[in-house]
């Protein structure tokens, strides 16, 4: 079994600012405010959280191939 990665680099689609964040393991993160330009990031259609849409690593439930907050996998 592969270890779950808990850190992901979020990249703002508006200004390109990147920041490493620790992903929650017990909840989806639907909103994230860019530290640089203050854009409020929301998941793209079909994604369960901002990490799945804008992160370098998908959220822990998706890494484990299970559903995350009602989203479908695979």
Protein backbone atom coordinates (compact mmCIF):
# COMPACT_ATOMS: atom_id res chain seq x y z
CA UNK A 1 0.00 0.00 0.00
CA UNK A 2 1.28 3.44 -0.94
CA UNK A 3 1.63 6.06 1.78
CA UNK A 4 -0.86 8.90 1.60
CA UNK A 5 0.68 12.28 0.79
CA UNK A 6 -0.72 15.03 3.01
CA UNK A 7 1.00 18.07 1.49
CA UNK A 8 0.05 19.61 -1.82
CA UNK A 9 1.21 22.73 -3.63
CA UNK A 10 -1.81 24.86 -4.50
CA UNK A 11 -1.36 27.07 -7.57
CA UNK A 12 -3.63 30.06 -8.10
CA UNK A 13 -5.03 30.01 -11.65
CA UNK A 14 -5.28 33.82 -11.68
CA UNK A 15 -1.83 34.96 -10.55
CA UNK A 16 0.24 31.75 -10.47
CA UNK A 17 1.14 32.09 -6.76
CA UNK A 18 2.08 28.73 -5.27
CA UNK A 19 1.92 27.64 -1.65
CA UNK A 20 2.42 24.30 0.07
CA UNK A 21 -0.55 23.41 2.27
CA UNK A 22 -1.41 20.43 4.44
CA UNK A 23 -4.60 18.72 3.30
CA UNK A 24 -7.31 17.86 5.81
CA UNK A 25 -7.94 14.14 6.21
CA UNK A 26 -11.41 14.43 7.73
CA UNK A 27 -13.10 17.01 5.46
CA UNK A 28 -13.11 18.46 1.97
CA UNK A 29 -11.77 21.95 1.49
CA UNK A 30 -14.18 23.70 -0.84
CA UNK A 31 -12.70 27.21 -0.62
CA UNK A 32 -9.19 28.59 -0.50
CA UNK A 33 -8.16 32.25 -0.66
CA UNK A 34 -4.98 32.97 -2.60
CA UNK A 35 -2.51 34.67 -0.30
CA UNK A 36 -1.20 36.85 -3.12
CA UNK A 37 -4.19 38.12 -5.15
CA UNK A 38 -7.01 37.18 -2.72
CA UNK A 39 -8.91 35.21 -5.40
CA UNK A 40 -11.29 32.72 -3.78
CA UNK A 41 -10.62 29.32 -5.31
CA UNK A 42 -13.45 26.79 -5.61
CA UNK A 43 -13.29 23.24 -6.99
CA UNK A 44 -13.72 22.84 -10.73
CA UNK A 45 -16.80 21.00 -11.93
CA UNK A 46 -16.41 17.30 -11.19
CA UNK A 47 -13.73 17.79 -8.52
CA UNK A 48 -14.45 17.37 -4.82
CA UNK A 49 -12.10 20.01 -3.41
CA UNK A 50 -9.57 22.74 -4.21
CA UNK A 51 -6.69 20.27 -3.86
CA UNK A 52 -8.11 18.06 -6.62
CA UNK A 53 -8.53 21.12 -8.87
CA UNK A 54 -5.46 23.25 -8.12
CA UNK A 55 -3.08 21.09 -6.09
CA UNK A 56 0.00 19.14 -7.08
CA UNK A 57 -1.47 16.14 -5.22
CA UNK A 58 -5.11 15.02 -5.04
CA UNK A 59 -6.83 14.87 -1.63
CA UNK A 60 -6.30 11.84 0.67
CA UNK A 61 -9.65 10.10 -0.07
CA UNK A 62 -9.04 10.31 -3.82
CA UNK A 63 -5.47 9.01 -3.35
CA UNK A 64 -7.04 6.01 -1.57
CA UNK A 65 -9.48 5.54 -4.50
CA UNK A 66 -12.54 6.16 -2.38
CA UNK A 67 -15.19 8.83 -2.71
CA UNK A 68 -14.64 12.22 -1.16
CA UNK A 69 -17.64 14.20 0.08
CA UNK A 70 -19.99 12.61 -2.44
CA UNK A 71 -17.71 12.87 -5.48
CA UNK A 72 -17.24 9.82 -7.66
CA UNK A 73 -13.86 8.26 -8.32
CA UNK A 74 -12.44 6.62 -11.37
